[in-house]
N, C-alpha and C. Protein backbone atom coordinates (compact mmCIF):
# COMPACT_ATOMS: atom_id res chain seq x y z
N MET A 1 2.01 -8.21 13.30
CA MET A 1 2.09 -7.09 11.57
C MET A 1 1.89 -7.99 11.14
N PRO A 2 1.03 -7.62 10.30
CA PRO A 2 0.05 -8.20 9.12
C PRO A 2 0.93 -9.46 8.17
N ALA A 3 0.28 -10.39 7.27
CA ALA A 3 0.64 -10.79 7.18
C ALA A 3 1.31 -10.31 5.90
N GLU A 4 2.30 -10.26 4.45
CA GLU A 4 2.01 -10.32 3.50
C GLU A 4 0.91 -10.50 2.61
N LYS A 5 0.96 -9.56 1.83
CA LYS A 5 -0.77 -9.73 0.96
C LYS A 5 0.68 -10.96 -0.42
N VAL A 6 -0.30 -11.84 -0.55
CA VAL A 6 0.40 -12.41 -2.11
C VAL A 6 0.69 -11.45 -3.15
N LYS A 7 1.78 -11.72 -3.82
CA LYS A 7 1.24 -11.47 -5.31
C LYS A 7 1.17 -12.11 -5.69
N GLY A 8 1.17 -12.24 -7.49
CA GLY A 8 1.63 -13.07 -9.40
C GLY A 8 0.44 -14.39 -8.56
N PRO A 9 1.07 -15.14 -9.52
CA PRO A 9 -0.08 -16.56 -9.94
C PRO A 9 -0.40 -16.78 -8.25
N ALA A 10 0.30 -17.35 -7.69
CA ALA A 10 -0.31 -18.08 -6.60
C ALA A 10 -1.64 -17.26 -5.70
N SER A 11 -1.69 -16.06 -5.96
CA SER A 11 -2.74 -15.56 -6.10
C SER A 11 -4.17 -15.74 -6.51
N TYR A 12 -3.59 -16.23 -7.31
CA TYR A 12 -5.07 -16.86 -7.82
C TYR A 12 -5.34 -18.89 -6.74
N PHE A 13 -4.22 -18.87 -5.88
CA PHE A 13 -4.92 -20.16 -5.54
C PHE A 13 -5.96 -20.55 -4.61
N PRO A 14 -6.22 -19.50 -4.18
CA PRO A 14 -7.80 -19.57 -3.38
C PRO A 14 -9.18 -19.29 -3.99
N SER A 15 -8.75 -18.58 -5.14
CA SER A 15 -9.73 -18.81 -5.70
C SER A 15 -10.20 -19.91 -6.41
N ILE A 16 -9.35 -20.47 -7.13
CA ILE A 16 -8.54 -22.27 -7.37
C ILE A 16 -9.11 -22.94 -7.89
N GLU A 17 -9.05 -23.06 -6.10
CA GLU A 17 -9.71 -24.59 -5.32
C GLU A 17 -11.15 -24.28 -4.74
N LYS A 18 -11.56 -22.75 -4.75
CA LYS A 18 -12.79 -23.28 -4.82
C LYS A 18 -13.61 -22.85 -5.40
N THR A 19 -13.30 -22.57 -6.95
CA THR A 19 -14.47 -22.78 -7.80
C THR A 19 -14.03 -23.89 -8.85
N TYR A 20 -12.95 -24.54 -8.68
CA TYR A 20 -13.17 -25.46 -8.97
C TYR A 20 -12.85 -27.39 -7.83
N GLY A 21 -12.88 -27.18 -6.98
CA GLY A 21 -12.86 -27.58 -5.70
C GLY A 21 -11.53 -28.73 -5.44
N LYS A 22 -10.79 -28.29 -5.54
CA LYS A 22 -9.66 -29.67 -5.82
C LYS A 22 -8.86 -28.02 -5.71
N PRO A 23 -7.65 -29.11 -4.50
CA PRO A 23 -6.48 -28.06 -4.57
C PRO A 23 -5.26 -28.11 -5.75
N VAL A 24 -4.72 -27.14 -5.40
CA VAL A 24 -4.08 -26.69 -6.89
C VAL A 24 -2.45 -27.71 -6.31
N SER A 25 -2.50 -28.51 -5.57
CA SER A 25 -1.73 -29.41 -5.40
C SER A 25 -1.99 -30.50 -6.66
N HIS A 26 -3.43 -30.79 -6.71
CA HIS A 26 -3.77 -31.46 -7.70
C HIS A 26 -3.43 -31.09 -9.42
N TRP A 27 -3.79 -30.15 -9.34
CA TRP A 27 -3.37 -29.21 -10.84
C TRP A 27 -2.38 -29.34 -11.10
N PHE A 28 -0.84 -29.39 -9.80
CA PHE A 28 0.83 -29.07 -9.90
C PHE A 28 1.36 -30.64 -10.29
N SER A 29 0.01 -31.86 -9.66
CA SER A 29 0.55 -33.21 -10.71
C SER A 29 -0.49 -33.39 -12.02
N VAL A 30 -1.16 -32.46 -12.72
CA VAL A 30 -1.83 -32.38 -14.03
C VAL A 30 -0.83 -31.96 -14.55
N LEU A 31 0.02 -31.27 -14.54
CA LEU A 31 0.80 -29.90 -15.25
C LEU A 31 2.32 -31.02 -15.05
N ASP A 32 2.42 -31.81 -13.73
CA ASP A 32 3.50 -32.69 -13.93
C ASP A 32 3.47 -33.63 -15.43
N LYS A 33 2.73 -34.21 -15.58
CA LYS A 33 2.24 -35.22 -17.19
C LYS A 33 2.11 -34.24 -18.52
N LEU A 34 2.10 -33.06 -17.92
CA LEU A 34 2.83 -32.16 -19.20
C LEU A 34 4.04 -31.87 -19.97
N LYS A 35 5.13 -31.80 -18.52
CA LYS A 35 5.62 -30.92 -18.68
C LYS A 35 6.87 -30.77 -19.45
N ASP A 36 6.60 -32.13 -20.66
CA ASP A 36 7.20 -31.71 -22.18
C ASP A 36 6.96 -30.54 -23.30
N LYS A 37 5.15 -30.14 -22.57
CA LYS A 37 4.68 -29.06 -23.13
C LYS A 37 5.08 -28.07 -23.20
N LYS A 38 4.92 -27.08 -24.51
CA LYS A 38 5.43 -25.77 -24.02
C LYS A 38 3.62 -25.13 -23.24
N HIS A 39 4.32 -23.49 -22.74
CA HIS A 39 3.45 -22.87 -21.74
C HIS A 39 2.34 -22.91 -22.18
N GLY A 40 2.02 -22.29 -22.99
CA GLY A 40 0.45 -22.62 -23.69
C GLY A 40 -0.41 -23.82 -24.19
N GLU A 41 0.70 -25.38 -24.74
CA GLU A 41 0.79 -25.82 -24.61
C GLU A 41 -0.68 -26.82 -22.91
N MET A 42 0.15 -26.39 -22.24
CA MET A 42 -0.63 -26.16 -21.29
C MET A 42 -2.18 -25.78 -20.53
N VAL A 43 -1.44 -24.38 -20.97
CA VAL A 43 -2.19 -23.71 -20.72
C VAL A 43 -3.85 -23.84 -21.71
N SER A 44 -3.39 -24.75 -22.63
CA SER A 44 -4.43 -25.27 -23.52
C SER A 44 -4.93 -26.48 -22.53
N ALA A 45 -4.64 -27.28 -22.33
CA ALA A 45 -4.56 -28.87 -21.44
C ALA A 45 -5.74 -28.45 -20.61
N LEU A 46 -5.15 -27.74 -19.81
CA LEU A 46 -6.14 -26.87 -18.18
C LEU A 46 -6.93 -27.06 -18.81
N LYS A 47 -7.66 -25.22 -19.86
CA LYS A 47 -8.51 -25.26 -19.77
C LYS A 47 -9.88 -26.16 -21.47
N THR A 48 -9.23 -27.14 -21.37
CA THR A 48 -9.88 -27.70 -23.09
C THR A 48 -10.46 -29.04 -22.49
N ASP A 49 -9.41 -29.65 -21.63
CA ASP A 49 -9.00 -31.36 -21.16
C ASP A 49 -10.27 -31.09 -19.21
N HIS A 50 -9.92 -29.61 -18.63
CA HIS A 50 -10.21 -29.47 -17.33
C HIS A 50 -11.09 -28.50 -16.93
N GLY A 51 -11.80 -27.55 -18.41
CA GLY A 51 -12.85 -27.20 -18.51
C GLY A 51 -12.66 -25.20 -17.34
N LEU A 52 -10.68 -25.42 -16.66
CA LEU A 52 -10.55 -24.14 -16.48
C LEU A 52 -10.52 -22.98 -16.93
N GLY A 53 -10.31 -21.67 -16.67
CA GLY A 53 -10.26 -20.43 -16.64
C GLY A 53 -9.30 -20.42 -17.80
N HIS A 54 -9.15 -19.38 -18.91
CA HIS A 54 -7.81 -18.80 -18.44
C HIS A 54 -6.94 -18.98 -17.83
N GLY A 55 -7.29 -17.27 -17.16
CA GLY A 55 -6.58 -16.59 -15.81
C GLY A 55 -6.18 -17.57 -15.12
N HIS A 56 -7.20 -18.74 -14.69
CA HIS A 56 -6.84 -19.65 -13.22
C HIS A 56 -5.75 -20.60 -14.34
N ALA A 57 -5.85 -21.43 -14.96
CA ALA A 57 -4.85 -21.93 -15.75
C ALA A 57 -3.32 -20.96 -15.78
N ASN A 58 -3.30 -20.29 -16.57
CA ASN A 58 -2.58 -19.42 -16.77
C ASN A 58 -1.47 -18.98 -15.57
N ALA A 59 -2.11 -18.98 -15.05
CA ALA A 59 -1.36 -18.81 -12.88
C ALA A 59 -1.28 -19.57 -12.06
N LEU A 60 -1.87 -21.24 -12.65
CA LEU A 60 -0.94 -23.19 -12.34
C LEU A 60 0.31 -23.04 -13.21
N VAL A 61 0.35 -23.08 -14.69
CA VAL A 61 1.31 -23.11 -15.52
C VAL A 61 1.70 -21.95 -14.23
N ALA A 62 1.80 -21.09 -14.95
CA ALA A 62 3.48 -19.75 -15.12
C ALA A 62 3.66 -20.39 -13.52
N TYR A 63 3.11 -20.30 -12.31
CA TYR A 63 3.49 -20.50 -10.71
C TYR A 63 4.79 -21.85 -11.40
N HIS A 64 3.69 -23.25 -11.68
CA HIS A 64 5.05 -24.45 -12.14
C HIS A 64 5.67 -25.15 -12.78
N ARG A 65 5.49 -23.83 -13.74
CA ARG A 65 7.15 -23.53 -14.35
C ARG A 65 8.06 -22.61 -14.14
N ALA A 66 7.52 -21.77 -13.16
CA ALA A 66 9.27 -20.99 -12.50
C ALA A 66 9.89 -21.50 -11.60
N LYS A 67 8.53 -22.58 -10.85
CA LYS A 67 8.62 -23.45 -9.23
C LYS A 67 10.01 -24.35 -9.98
N ASN A 68 9.61 -24.73 -11.38
CA ASN A 68 10.39 -25.92 -11.97
C ASN A 68 11.31 -25.48 -12.66
N GLY A 69 11.66 -24.70 -12.59
CA GLY A 69 13.36 -23.64 -13.61
C GLY A 69 13.03 -24.71 -15.15
N LYS A 70 11.96 -24.06 -15.24
CA LYS A 70 11.33 -23.63 -17.10
C LYS A 70 10.51 -22.13 -17.53
């Protein structure tokens, strides 16, 4: 039986790792330091400080916040 296709923000993870050359765990560590910021502020920080595209930054933030109860 084939594995279920990954959906939602996690579906971006392989592309994020390939594009930026770092595992998603690296980006979650970055986001841990921004935990007091709002969603949009976290996305903006990934874009301006780390050069991520909007879709990739948004996917990381959405997943991170969902896993951490925000």
